[in-house]
PDB file of all heavy atoms in Angstrom:
ATOM      1  N   PRO A   1      96.096 100.403 108.780  1.00  0.00           N
ATOM      2  CA  PRO A   1      96.415  99.528 107.645  1.00  0.00           C
ATOM      3  C   PRO A   1      97.817  99.715 107.088  1.00  0.00           C
ATOM      4  O   PRO A   1      98.335  98.825 106.427  1.00  0.00           O
ATOM      5  CB  PRO A   1      95.347  99.896 106.612  1.00  0.00           C
ATOM      6  CG  PRO A   1      94.907 101.281 106.982  1.00  0.00           C
ATOM      7  CD  PRO A   1      94.984 101.329 108.475  1.00  0.00           C
ATOM      8  N   GLY A   2      98.451 100.849 107.375  1.00  0.00           N
ATOM      9  CA  GLY A   2      99.828 101.018 106.938  1.00  0.00           C
ATOM     10  C   GLY A   2     100.753  99.990 107.569  1.00  0.00           C
ATOM     11  O   GLY A   2     101.740  99.570 106.954  1.00  0.00           O
ATOM     12  N   ALA A   3     100.435  99.578 108.793  1.00  0.00           N
ATOM     13  CA  ALA A   3     101.266  98.572 109.460  1.00  0.00           C
ATOM     14  C   ALA A   3     101.140  97.220 108.778  1.00  0.00           C
ATOM     15  O   ALA A   3     102.138  96.508 108.596  1.00  0.00           O
ATOM     16  CB  ALA A   3     100.875  98.471 110.928  1.00  0.00           C
ATOM     17  N   GLU A   4      99.921  96.848 108.420  1.00  0.00           N
ATOM     18  CA  GLU A   4      99.744  95.559 107.718  1.00  0.00           C
ATOM     19  C   GLU A   4     100.395  95.600 106.338  1.00  0.00           C
ATOM     20  O   GLU A   4     101.010  94.625 105.897  1.00  0.00           O
ATOM     21  CB  GLU A   4      98.258  95.231 107.599  1.00  0.00           C
ATOM     22  CG  GLU A   4      97.651  94.643 108.857  1.00  0.00           C
ATOM     23  CD  GLU A   4      97.487  95.660 109.969  1.00  0.00           C
ATOM     24  OE1 GLU A   4      97.073  96.803 109.683  1.00  0.00           O
ATOM     25  OE2 GLU A   4      97.751  95.317 111.147  1.00  0.00           O
ATOM     26  N   PHE A   5     100.283  96.741 105.652  1.00  0.00           N
ATOM     27  CA  PHE A   5     100.912  96.891 104.344  1.00  0.00           C
ATOM     28  C   PHE A   5     102.426  96.706 104.459  1.00  0.00           C
ATOM     29  O   PHE A   5     103.042  96.026 103.633  1.00  0.00           O
ATOM     30  CB  PHE A   5     100.593  98.280 103.785  1.00  0.00           C
ATOM     31  CG  PHE A   5     101.235  98.581 102.461  1.00  0.00           C
ATOM     32  CD1 PHE A   5     100.615  98.240 101.275  1.00  0.00           C
ATOM     33  CD2 PHE A   5     102.469  99.229 102.405  1.00  0.00           C
ATOM     34  CE1 PHE A   5     101.213  98.528 100.043  1.00  0.00           C
ATOM     35  CE2 PHE A   5     103.066  99.515 101.191  1.00  0.00           C
ATOM     36  CZ  PHE A   5     102.442  99.161 100.007  1.00  0.00           C
ATOM     37  N   SER A   6     103.019  97.299 105.500  1.00  0.00           N
ATOM     38  CA  SER A   6     104.472  97.317 105.636  1.00  0.00           C
ATOM     39  C   SER A   6     105.048  96.070 106.285  1.00  0.00           C
ATOM     40  O   SER A   6     106.271  95.888 106.279  1.00  0.00           O
ATOM     41  CB  SER A   6     104.901  98.549 106.446  1.00  0.00           C
ATOM     42  OG  SER A   6     104.532  99.737 105.770  1.00  0.00           O
ATOM     43  N   THR A   7     104.191  95.231 106.860  1.00  0.00           N
ATOM     44  CA  THR A   7     104.678  94.009 107.505  1.00  0.00           C
ATOM     45  C   THR A   7     104.150  92.741 106.838  1.00  0.00           C
ATOM     46  O   THR A   7     104.447  91.639 107.292  1.00  0.00           O
ATOM     47  CB  THR A   7     104.283  93.981 108.995  1.00  0.00           C
ATOM     48  OG1 THR A   7     102.858  94.022 109.115  1.00  0.00           O
ATOM     49  CG2 THR A   7     104.891  95.161 109.741  1.00  0.00           C
ATOM     50  N   ARG A   8     103.368  92.913 105.770  1.00  0.00           N
ATOM     51  CA  ARG A   8     102.740  91.776 105.098  1.00  0.00           C
ATOM     52  C   ARG A   8     101.976  90.895 106.079  1.00  0.00           C
ATOM     53  O   ARG A   8     102.073  89.663 106.055  1.00  0.00           O
ATOM     54  CB  ARG A   8     103.768  90.948 104.326  1.00  0.00           C
ATOM     55  CG  ARG A   8     104.170  91.596 103.016  1.00  0.00           C
ATOM     56  CD  ARG A   8     104.892  90.611 102.104  1.00  0.00           C
ATOM     57  NE  ARG A   8     105.125  91.213 100.797  1.00  0.00           N
ATOM     58  CZ  ARG A   8     106.174  90.962 100.036  1.00  0.00           C
ATOM     59  NH1 ARG A   8     107.096  90.102 100.448  1.00  0.00           N
ATOM     60  NH2 ARG A   8     106.296  91.521  98.856  1.00  0.00           N
ATOM     61  N   SER A   9     101.216  91.556 106.953  1.00  0.00           N
ATOM     62  CA  SER A   9     100.402  90.864 107.949  1.00  0.00           C
ATOM     63  C   SER A   9      98.938  90.910 107.524  1.00  0.00           C
ATOM     64  O   SER A   9      98.551  91.726 106.683  1.00  0.00           O
ATOM     65  CB  SER A   9     100.567  91.541 109.312  1.00  0.00           C
ATOM     66  OG  SER A   9     101.915  91.521 109.716  1.00  0.00           O
ATOM     67  N   PRO A  10      98.091  90.079 108.121  1.00  0.00           N
ATOM     68  CA  PRO A  10      96.661  90.145 107.801  1.00  0.00           C
ATOM     69  C   PRO A  10      96.080  91.491 108.222  1.00  0.00           C
ATOM     70  O   PRO A  10      96.430  92.030 109.279  1.00  0.00           O
ATOM     71  CB  PRO A  10      96.059  89.006 108.638  1.00  0.00           C
ATOM     72  CG  PRO A  10      97.200  88.125 109.002  1.00  0.00           C
ATOM     73  CD  PRO A  10      98.410  88.999 109.072  1.00  0.00           C
ATOM     74  N   TYR A  11      95.184  92.018 107.395  1.00  0.00           N
ATOM     75  CA  TYR A  11      94.521  93.278 107.722  1.00  0.00           C
ATOM     76  C   TYR A  11      93.402  93.038 108.733  1.00  0.00           C
ATOM     77  O   TYR A  11      92.791  91.966 108.757  1.00  0.00           O
ATOM     78  CB  TYR A  11      93.930  93.911 106.463  1.00  0.00           C
ATOM     79  CG  TYR A  11      94.958  94.540 105.561  1.00  0.00           C
ATOM     80  CD1 TYR A  11      95.570  93.796 104.554  1.00  0.00           C
ATOM     81  CD2 TYR A  11      95.322  95.871 105.692  1.00  0.00           C
ATOM     82  CE1 TYR A  11      96.517  94.357 103.711  1.00  0.00           C
ATOM     83  CE2 TYR A  11      96.265  96.456 104.857  1.00  0.00           C
ATOM     84  CZ  TYR A  11      96.864  95.688 103.869  1.00  0.00           C
ATOM     85  OH  TYR A  11      97.804  96.255 103.036  1.00  0.00           O
ATOM     86  N   PRO A  12      93.095  94.030 109.580  1.00  0.00           N
ATOM     87  CA  PRO A  12      91.931  93.912 110.455  1.00  0.00           C
ATOM     88  C   PRO A  12      90.650  93.782 109.633  1.00  0.00           C
ATOM     89  O   PRO A  12      90.568  94.270 108.502  1.00  0.00           O
ATOM     90  CB  PRO A  12      91.925  95.235 111.237  1.00  0.00           C
ATOM     91  CG  PRO A  12      93.296  95.803 111.075  1.00  0.00           C
ATOM     92  CD  PRO A  12      93.802  95.311 109.755  1.00  0.00           C
ATOM     93  N   ASP A  13      89.659  93.139 110.220  1.00  0.00           N
ATOM     94  CA  ASP A  13      88.367  92.968 109.558  1.00  0.00           C
ATOM     95  C   ASP A  13      87.470  94.140 109.925  1.00  0.00           C
ATOM     96  O   ASP A  13      86.648  94.071 110.837  1.00  0.00           O
ATOM     97  CB  ASP A  13      87.730  91.640 109.979  1.00  0.00           C
ATOM     98  CG  ASP A  13      86.506  91.286 109.147  1.00  0.00           C
ATOM     99  OD1 ASP A  13      85.997  92.172 108.423  1.00  0.00           O
ATOM    100  OD2 ASP A  13      86.051  90.132 109.228  1.00  0.00           O
ATOM    101  N   ALA A  14      87.646  95.251 109.213  1.00  0.00           N
ATOM    102  CA  ALA A  14      86.859  96.444 109.500  1.00  0.00           C
ATOM    103  C   ALA A  14      85.375  96.200 109.296  1.00  0.00           C
ATOM    104  O   ALA A  14      84.533  96.734 110.028  1.00  0.00           O
ATOM    105  CB  ALA A  14      87.331  97.603 108.615  1.00  0.00           C
ATOM    106  N   ARG A  15      85.055  95.389 108.285  1.00  0.00           N
ATOM    107  CA  ARG A  15      83.641  95.126 107.987  1.00  0.00           C
ATOM    108  C   ARG A  15      82.939  94.502 109.198  1.00  0.00           C
ATOM    109  O   ARG A  15      81.816  94.876 109.552  1.00  0.00           O
ATOM    110  CB  ARG A  15      83.559  94.178 106.782  1.00  0.00           C
ATOM    111  CG  ARG A  15      82.198  93.872 106.264  1.00  0.00           C
ATOM    112  CD  ARG A  15      81.634  94.989 105.393  1.00  0.00           C
ATOM    113  NE  ARG A  15      80.861  95.963 106.155  1.00  0.00           N
ATOM    114  CZ  ARG A  15      80.972  97.285 106.022  1.00  0.00           C
ATOM    115  NH1 ARG A  15      81.834  97.821 105.185  1.00  0.00           N
ATOM    116  NH2 ARG A  15      80.249  98.095 106.747  1.00  0.00           N
ATOM    117  N   ARG A  16      83.622  93.565 109.838  1.00  0.00           N
ATOM    118  CA  ARG A  16      83.055  92.906 111.022  1.00  0.00           C
ATOM    119  C   ARG A  16      82.789  93.918 112.133  1.00  0.00           C
ATOM    120  O   ARG A  16      81.739  93.879 112.788  1.00  0.00           O
ATOM    121  CB  ARG A  16      84.031  91.834 111.493  1.00  0.00           C
ATOM    122  CG  ARG A  16      83.642  91.032 112.721  1.00  0.00           C
ATOM    123  CD  ARG A  16      84.810  90.143 113.100  1.00  0.00           C
ATOM    124  NE  ARG A  16      84.574  89.311 114.263  1.00  0.00           N
ATOM    125  CZ  ARG A  16      85.532  88.738 114.979  1.00  0.00           C
ATOM    126  NH1 ARG A  16      86.804  88.896 114.600  1.00  0.00           N
ATOM    127  NH2 ARG A  16      85.247  88.001 116.032  1.00  0.00           N
ATOM    128  N   LEU A  17      83.726  94.822 112.357  1.00  0.00           N
ATOM    129  CA  LEU A  17      83.567  95.827 113.400  1.00  0.00           C
ATOM    130  C   LEU A  17      82.438  96.796 113.078  1.00  0.00           C
ATOM    131  O   LEU A  17      81.590  97.095 113.928  1.00  0.00           O
ATOM    132  CB  LEU A  17      84.882  96.590 113.583  1.00  0.00           C
ATOM    133  CG  LEU A  17      86.027  95.806 114.221  1.00  0.00           C
ATOM    134  CD1 LEU A  17      87.360  96.508 113.984  1.00  0.00           C
ATOM    135  CD2 LEU A  17      85.788  95.632 115.720  1.00  0.00           C
ATOM    136  N   LEU A  18      82.418  97.286 111.870  1.00  0.00           N
ATOM    137  CA  LEU A  18      81.389  98.250 111.482  1.00  0.00           C
ATOM    138  C   LEU A  18      79.994  97.635 111.541  1.00  0.00           C
ATOM    139  O   LEU A  18      79.045  98.266 112.018  1.00  0.00           O
ATOM    140  CB  LEU A  18      81.679  98.790 110.080  1.00  0.00           C
ATOM    141  CG  LEU A  18      82.897  99.715 109.985  1.00  0.00           C
ATOM    142  CD1 LEU A  18      83.341  99.847 108.535  1.00  0.00           C
ATOM    143  CD2 LEU A  18      82.587 101.080 110.581  1.00  0.00           C
ATOM    144  N   ASP A  19      79.873  96.418 111.061  1.00  0.00           N
ATOM    145  CA  ASP A  19      78.565  95.766 111.070  1.00  0.00           C
ATOM    146  C   ASP A  19      78.070  95.501 112.489  1.00  0.00           C
ATOM    147  O   ASP A  19      76.859  95.405 112.728  1.00  0.00           O
ATOM    148  CB  ASP A  19      78.621  94.455 110.280  1.00  0.00           C
ATOM    149  CG  ASP A  19      78.756  94.678 108.779  1.00  0.00           C
ATOM    150  OD1 ASP A  19      78.581  95.830 108.332  1.00  0.00           O
ATOM    151  OD2 ASP A  19      79.042  93.708 108.059  1.00  0.00           O
ATOM    152  N   ALA A  20      79.009  95.412 113.441  1.00  0.00           N
ATOM    153  CA  ALA A  20      78.624  95.203 114.838  1.00  0.00           C
ATOM    154  C   ALA A  20      78.298  96.520 115.550  1.00  0.00           C
ATOM    155  O   ALA A  20      77.866  96.503 116.706  1.00  0.00           O
ATOM    156  CB  ALA A  20      79.749  94.491 115.585  1.00  0.00           C
ATOM    157  N   GLY A  21      78.536  97.637 114.874  1.00  0.00           N
ATOM    158  CA  GLY A  21      78.242  98.934 115.474  1.00  0.00           C
ATOM    159  C   GLY A  21      79.390  99.577 116.213  1.00  0.00           C
ATOM    160  O   GLY A  21      79.196 100.534 116.966  1.00  0.00           O
ATOM    161  N   VAL A  22      80.600  99.081 115.997  1.00  0.00           N
ATOM    162  CA  VAL A  22      81.786  99.649 116.644  1.00  0.00           C
ATOM    163  C   VAL A  22      82.187 100.938 115.927  1.00  0.00           C
ATOM    164  O   VAL A  22      82.146 101.024 114.700  1.00  0.00           O
ATOM    165  CB  VAL A  22      82.953  98.641 116.612  1.00  0.00           C
ATOM    166  CG1 VAL A  22      84.221  99.253 117.208  1.00  0.00           C
ATOM    167  CG2 VAL A  22      82.575  97.360 117.338  1.00  0.00           C
ATOM    168  N   THR A  23      82.568 101.955 116.699  1.00  0.00           N
ATOM    169  CA  THR A  23      83.132 103.165 116.102  1.00  0.00           C
ATOM    170  C   THR A  23      84.560 102.878 115.672  1.00  0.00           C
ATOM    171  O   THR A  23      85.379 102.413 116.468  1.00  0.00           O
ATOM    172  CB  THR A  23      83.125 104.329 117.103  1.00  0.00           C
ATOM    173  OG1 THR A  23      81.778 104.598 117.495  1.00  0.00           O
ATOM    174  CG2 THR A  23      83.715 105.582 116.481  1.00  0.00           C
ATOM    175  N   VAL A  24      84.860 103.143 114.411  1.00  0.00           N
ATOM    176  CA  VAL A  24      86.163 102.830 113.826  1.00  0.00           C
ATOM    177  C   VAL A  24      86.874 104.113 113.428  1.00  0.00           C
ATOM    178  O   VAL A  24      86.266 105.033 112.874  1.00  0.00           O
ATOM    179  CB  VAL A  24      86.000 101.907 112.599  1.00  0.00           C
ATOM    180  CG1 VAL A  24      87.309 101.767 111.827  1.00  0.00           C
ATOM    181  CG2 VAL A  24      85.487 100.540 113.038  1.00  0.00           C
ATOM    182  N   ALA A  25      88.161 104.181 113.725  1.00  0.00           N
ATOM    183  CA  ALA A  25      89.028 105.253 113.257  1.00  0.00           C
ATOM    184  C   ALA A  25      90.122 104.666 112.385  1.00  0.00           C
ATOM    185  O   ALA A  25      90.486 103.489 112.524  1.00  0.00           O
ATOM    186  CB  ALA A  25      89.647 106.001 114.433  1.00  0.00           C
ATOM    187  N   LEU A  26      90.649 105.481 111.504  1.00  0.00           N
ATOM    188  CA  LEU A  26      91.833 105.136 110.724  1.00  0.00           C
ATOM    189  C   LEU A  26      92.966 106.072 111.117  1.00  0.00           C
ATOM    190  O   LEU A  26      92.746 107.265 111.338  1.00  0.00           O
ATOM    191  CB  LEU A  26      91.573 105.285 109.225  1.00  0.00           C
ATOM    192  CG  LEU A  26      90.667 104.270 108.552  1.00  0.00           C
ATOM    193  CD1 LEU A  26      90.433 104.675 107.095  1.00  0.00           C
ATOM    194  CD2 LEU A  26      91.273 102.872 108.613  1.00  0.00           C
ATOM    195  N   ALA A  27      94.174 105.536 111.213  1.00  0.00           N
ATOM    196  CA  ALA A  27      95.354 106.342 111.519  1.00  0.00           C
ATOM    197  C   ALA A  27      96.556 105.736 110.812  1.00  0.00           C
ATOM    198  O   ALA A  27      96.509 104.602 110.322  1.00  0.00           O
ATOM    199  CB  ALA A  27      95.579 106.427 113.026  1.00  0.00           C
ATOM    200  N   THR A  28      97.653 106.491 110.753  1.00  0.00           N
ATOM    201  CA  THR A  28      98.805 106.051 109.963  1.00  0.00           C
ATOM    202  C   THR A  28      99.739 105.112 110.710  1.00  0.00           C
ATOM    203  O   THR A  28     100.438 104.326 110.090  1.00  0.00           O
ATOM    204  CB  THR A  28      99.655 107.249 109.507  1.00  0.00           C
ATOM    205  OG1 THR A  28     100.185 107.921 110.656  1.00  0.00           O
ATOM    206  CG2 THR A  28      98.845 108.207 108.641  1.00  0.00           C
ATOM    207  N   ASP A  29      99.807 105.216 112.053  1.00  0.00           N
ATOM    208  CA  ASP A  29     100.840 104.509 112.827  1.00  0.00           C
ATOM    209  C   ASP A  29     102.229 104.913 112.347  1.00  0.00           C
ATOM    210  O   ASP A  29     103.167 104.111 112.359  1.00  0.00           O
ATOM    211  CB  ASP A  29     100.665 102.993 112.737  1.00  0.00           C
ATOM    212  CG  ASP A  29     101.493 102.220 113.759  1.00  0.00           C
ATOM    213  OD1 ASP A  29     101.961 102.842 114.736  1.00  0.00           O
ATOM    214  OD2 ASP A  29     101.690 101.000 113.584  1.00  0.00           O
ATOM    215  N   CYS A  30     102.393 106.145 111.887  1.00  0.00           N
ATOM    216  CA  CYS A  30     103.669 106.577 111.328  1.00  0.00           C
ATOM    217  C   CYS A  30     104.801 106.299 112.312  1.00  0.00           C
ATOM    218  O   CYS A  30     104.828 106.818 113.426  1.00  0.00           O
ATOM    219  CB  CYS A  30     103.620 108.067 111.003  1.00  0.00           C
ATOM    220  SG  CYS A  30     105.113 108.683 110.201  1.00  0.00           S
ATOM    221  N   ASN A  31     105.746 105.449 111.898  1.00  0.00           N
ATOM    222  CA  ASN A  31     106.897 105.094 112.719  1.00  0.00           C
ATOM    223  C   ASN A  31     107.969 104.529 111.806  1.00  0.00           C
ATOM    224  O   ASN A  31     107.674 104.110 110.681  1.00  0.00           O
ATOM    225  CB  ASN A  31     106.491 104.104 113.816  1.00  0.00           C
ATOM    226  CG  ASN A  31     106.285 102.693 113.307  1.00  0.00           C
ATOM    227  OD1 ASN A  31     107.232 101.941 113.143  1.00  0.00           O
ATOM    228  ND2 ASN A  31     105.032 102.320 113.032  1.00  0.00           N
ATOM    229  N   PRO A  32     109.229 104.465 112.254  1.00  0.00           N
ATOM    230  CA  PRO A  32     110.302 104.090 111.337  1.00  0.00           C
ATOM    231  C   PRO A  32     110.401 102.605 111.047  1.00  0.00           C
ATOM    232  O   PRO A  32     111.142 102.207 110.139  1.00  0.00           O
ATOM    233  CB  PRO A  32     111.558 104.565 112.069  1.00  0.00           C
ATOM    234  CG  PRO A  32     111.188 104.467 113.520  1.00  0.00           C
ATOM    235  CD  PRO A  32     109.746 104.865 113.574  1.00  0.00           C
ATOM    236  N   GLY A  33     109.667 101.768 111.796  1.00  0.00           N
ATOM    237  CA  GLY A  33     109.839 100.337 111.631  1.00  0.00           C
ATOM    238  C   GLY A  33     108.732  99.638 110.890  1.00  0.00           C
ATOM    239  O   GLY A  33     108.972  98.938 109.902  1.00  0.00           O
ATOM    240  N   SER A  34     107.485  99.831 111.336  1.00  0.00           N
ATOM    241  CA  SER A  34     106.396  98.999 110.803  1.00  0.00           C
ATOM    242  C   SER A  34     105.386  99.747 109.953  1.00  0.00           C
ATOM    243  O   SER A  34     104.494  99.122 109.359  1.00  0.00           O
ATOM    244  CB  SER A  34     105.655  98.312 111.965  1.00  0.00           C
ATOM    245  OG  SER A  34     105.091  99.276 112.832  1.00  0.00           O
ATOM    246  N   SER A  35     105.498 101.082 109.851  1.00  0.00           N
ATOM    247  CA  SER A  35     104.542 101.831 109.031  1.00  0.00           C
ATOM    248  C   SER A  35     105.088 103.227 108.800  1.00  0.00           C
ATOM    249  O   SER A  35     104.602 104.203 109.367  1.00  0.00           O
ATOM    250  CB  SER A  35     103.168 101.910 109.714  1.00  0.00           C
ATOM    251  OG  SER A  35     102.226 102.560 108.876  1.00  0.00           O
ATOM    252  N   TYR A  36     106.060 103.329 107.921  1.00  0.00           N
ATOM    253  CA  TYR A  36     106.727 104.624 107.745  1.00  0.00           C
ATOM    254  C   TYR A  36     105.992 105.446 106.682  1.00  0.00           C
ATOM    255  O   TYR A  36     106.545 105.793 105.638  1.00  0.00           O
ATOM    256  CB  TYR A  36     108.190 104.424 107.390  1.00  0.00           C
ATOM    257  CG  TYR A  36     109.073 105.623 107.679  1.00  0.00           C
ATOM    258  CD1 TYR A  36     108.606 106.714 108.394  1.00  0.00           C
ATOM    259  CD2 TYR A  36     110.397 105.647 107.251  1.00  0.00           C
ATOM    260  CE1 TYR A  36     109.409 107.798 108.661  1.00  0.00           C
ATOM    261  CE2 TYR A  36     111.223 106.729 107.512  1.00  0.00           C
ATOM    262  CZ  TYR A  36     110.724 107.797 108.219  1.00  0.00           C
ATOM    263  OH  TYR A  36     111.541 108.880 108.482  1.00  0.00           O
TER     264      TYR A  36
END
């Protein structure tokens, strides 16, 4: 979600994934361009 925050892009639909039974992880995507 840091990438969507930093690029003003739509966020992934985590609710859809979780409700379908997908294993979800969160990570920072720490990088100098899209999610610092």
